[in-house]
Amino acid sequence: MTNLQLVALLVVALTGSATALTREPLRQAAVAGIFGLALAALFMLVQAPDVALSQIGVGGIALPAMILLALAKIREHGE
């Protein structure tokens, strides 16, 4: 394992922990997006570019977007 892979693994561990520990849903969506992109970078470093591209689409874009849309619907319904 190279030093760059080790650093990427630590970043993934930190952002994953931050996602789990964040209590506010709006901030959690942002942190989850950063976690998805960090995980995609780790996949690129371990030479899995196809998995990395999927992770960018799902974990970096689609999941935070769905969370934000759900929060908007909840706030709209609450008013």
C-alpha atoms as a PDB file:
ATOM      1  CA  MET A   1       0.000   0.000   0.000  1.00  0.00           C
ATOM      2  CA  THR A   2       1.422   3.347  -1.017  1.00  0.00           C
ATOM      3  CA  ASN A   3       1.456   6.452   1.128  1.00  0.00           C
ATOM      4  CA  LEU A   4      -1.147   8.115  -1.098  1.00  0.00           C
ATOM      5  CA  GLN A   5      -3.516   5.163  -0.687  1.00  0.00           C
ATOM      6  CA  LEU A   6      -3.011   5.282   3.067  1.00  0.00           C
ATOM      7  CA  VAL A   7      -3.818   8.997   3.171  1.00  0.00           C
ATOM      8  CA  ALA A   8      -6.930   8.408   1.034  1.00  0.00           C
ATOM      9  CA  LEU A   9      -8.014   5.609   3.363  1.00  0.00           C
ATOM     10  CA  LEU A  10      -7.643   7.908   6.369  1.00  0.00           C
ATOM     11  CA  VAL A  11      -9.650  10.636   4.626  1.00  0.00           C
ATOM     12  CA  VAL A  12     -12.407   8.114   3.874  1.00  0.00           C
ATOM     13  CA  ALA A  13     -12.411   6.997   7.512  1.00  0.00           C
ATOM     14  CA  LEU A  14     -12.605  10.589   8.766  1.00  0.00           C
ATOM     15  CA  THR A  15     -15.348  11.672   6.377  1.00  0.00           C
ATOM     16  CA  GLY A  16     -17.331   8.505   7.072  1.00  0.00           C
ATOM     17  CA  SER A  17     -17.126   9.174  10.798  1.00  0.00           C
ATOM     18  CA  ALA A  18     -18.069  12.806  10.250  1.00  0.00           C
ATOM     19  CA  THR A  19     -21.108  11.717   8.240  1.00  0.00           C
ATOM     20  CA  ALA A  20     -22.269   9.443  11.029  1.00  0.00           C
ATOM     21  CA  LEU A  21     -21.672  12.038  13.750  1.00  0.00           C
ATOM     22  CA  THR A  22     -23.319  14.994  11.984  1.00  0.00           C
ATOM     23  CA  ARG A  23     -26.805  15.576  13.400  1.00  0.00           C
ATOM     24  CA  GLU A  24     -28.222  18.327  11.164  1.00  0.00           C
ATOM     25  CA  PRO A  25     -29.645  16.760   7.962  1.00  0.00           C
ATOM     26  CA  LEU A  26     -28.579  19.572   5.634  1.00  0.00           C
ATOM     27  CA  ARG A  27     -24.982  19.411   6.796  1.00  0.00           C
ATOM     28  CA  GLN A  28     -25.106  15.635   6.753  1.00  0.00           C
ATOM     29  CA  ALA A  29     -26.039  15.712   3.058  1.00  0.00           C
ATOM     30  CA  ALA A  30     -23.012  17.878   2.316  1.00  0.00           C
ATOM     31  CA  VAL A  31     -20.682  15.680   4.346  1.00  0.00           C
ATOM     32  CA  ALA A  32     -22.111  12.567   2.678  1.00  0.00           C
ATOM     33  CA  GLY A  33     -21.300  14.074  -0.714  1.00  0.00           C
ATOM     34  CA  ILE A  34     -17.729  14.747   0.359  1.00  0.00           C
ATOM     35  CA  PHE A  35     -17.519  11.190   1.704  1.00  0.00           C
ATOM     36  CA  GLY A  36     -18.704   9.835  -1.643  1.00  0.00           C
ATOM     37  CA  LEU A  37     -16.071  11.796  -3.525  1.00  0.00           C
ATOM     38  CA  ALA A  38     -13.336  10.726  -1.089  1.00  0.00           C
ATOM     39  CA  LEU A  39     -14.376   7.120  -1.557  1.00  0.00           C
ATOM     40  CA  ALA A  40     -14.261   7.564  -5.340  1.00  0.00           C
ATOM     41  CA  ALA A  41     -10.715   8.925  -5.040  1.00  0.00           C
ATOM     42  CA  LEU A  42      -9.736   5.874  -2.995  1.00  0.00           C
ATOM     43  CA  PHE A  43     -11.207   3.589  -5.653  1.00  0.00           C
ATOM     44  CA  MET A  44      -9.170   5.378  -8.314  1.00  0.00           C
ATOM     45  CA  LEU A  45      -6.011   4.919  -6.268  1.00  0.00           C
ATOM     46  CA  VAL A  46      -6.581   1.180  -5.921  1.00  0.00           C
ATOM     47  CA  GLN A  47      -7.075   0.992  -9.706  1.00  0.00           C
ATOM     48  CA  ALA A  48     -10.829   0.483  -9.865  1.00  0.00           C
ATOM     49  CA  PRO A  49     -11.885   3.319 -12.212  1.00  0.00           C
ATOM     50  CA  ASP A  50     -15.247   1.794 -13.136  1.00  0.00           C
ATOM     51  CA  VAL A  51     -16.255   1.564  -9.475  1.00  0.00           C
ATOM     52  CA  ALA A  52     -14.953   5.098  -8.920  1.00  0.00           C
ATOM     53  CA  LEU A  53     -17.149   6.482 -11.701  1.00  0.00           C
ATOM     54  CA  SER A  54     -20.179   4.721 -10.258  1.00  0.00           C
ATOM     55  CA  GLN A  55     -19.345   6.087  -6.813  1.00  0.00           C
ATOM     56  CA  ILE A  56     -19.109   9.633  -8.157  1.00  0.00           C
ATOM     57  CA  GLY A  57     -22.548   9.313  -9.732  1.00  0.00           C
ATOM     58  CA  VAL A  58     -24.274   7.655  -6.812  1.00  0.00           C
ATOM     59  CA  GLY A  59     -22.393   8.684  -3.658  1.00  0.00           C
ATOM     60  CA  GLY A  60     -21.179  12.079  -4.789  1.00  0.00           C
ATOM     61  CA  ILE A  61     -24.217  13.376  -6.664  1.00  0.00           C
ATOM     62  CA  ALA A  62     -27.387  11.264  -6.455  1.00  0.00           C
ATOM     63  CA  LEU A  63     -27.471  10.524  -2.722  1.00  0.00           C
ATOM     64  CA  PRO A  64     -26.938  14.135  -1.546  1.00  0.00           C
ATOM     65  CA  ALA A  65     -29.455  15.333  -4.155  1.00  0.00           C
ATOM     66  CA  MET A  66     -32.085  12.868  -2.914  1.00  0.00           C
ATOM     67  CA  ILE A  67     -31.485  13.939   0.684  1.00  0.00           C
ATOM     68  CA  LEU A  68     -31.846  17.602  -0.247  1.00  0.00           C
ATOM     69  CA  LEU A  69     -35.038  16.912  -2.214  1.00  0.00           C
ATOM     70  CA  ALA A  70     -36.490  14.960   0.710  1.00  0.00           C
ATOM     71  CA  LEU A  71     -35.648  17.809   3.099  1.00  0.00           C
ATOM     72  CA  ALA A  72     -37.322  20.307   0.752  1.00  0.00           C
ATOM     73  CA  LYS A  73     -40.469  18.165   0.608  1.00  0.00           C
ATOM     74  CA  ILE A  74     -40.541  17.815   4.392  1.00  0.00           C
ATOM     75  CA  ARG A  75     -40.226  21.571   4.866  1.00  0.00           C
ATOM     76  CA  GLU A  76     -42.849  22.225   2.195  1.00  0.00           C
ATOM     77  CA  HIS A  77     -45.247  19.773   3.836  1.00  0.00           C
ATOM     78  CA  GLY A  78     -44.639  21.278   7.261  1.00  0.00           C
ATOM     79  CA  GLU A  79     -45.713  24.777   6.221  1.00  0.00           C
END
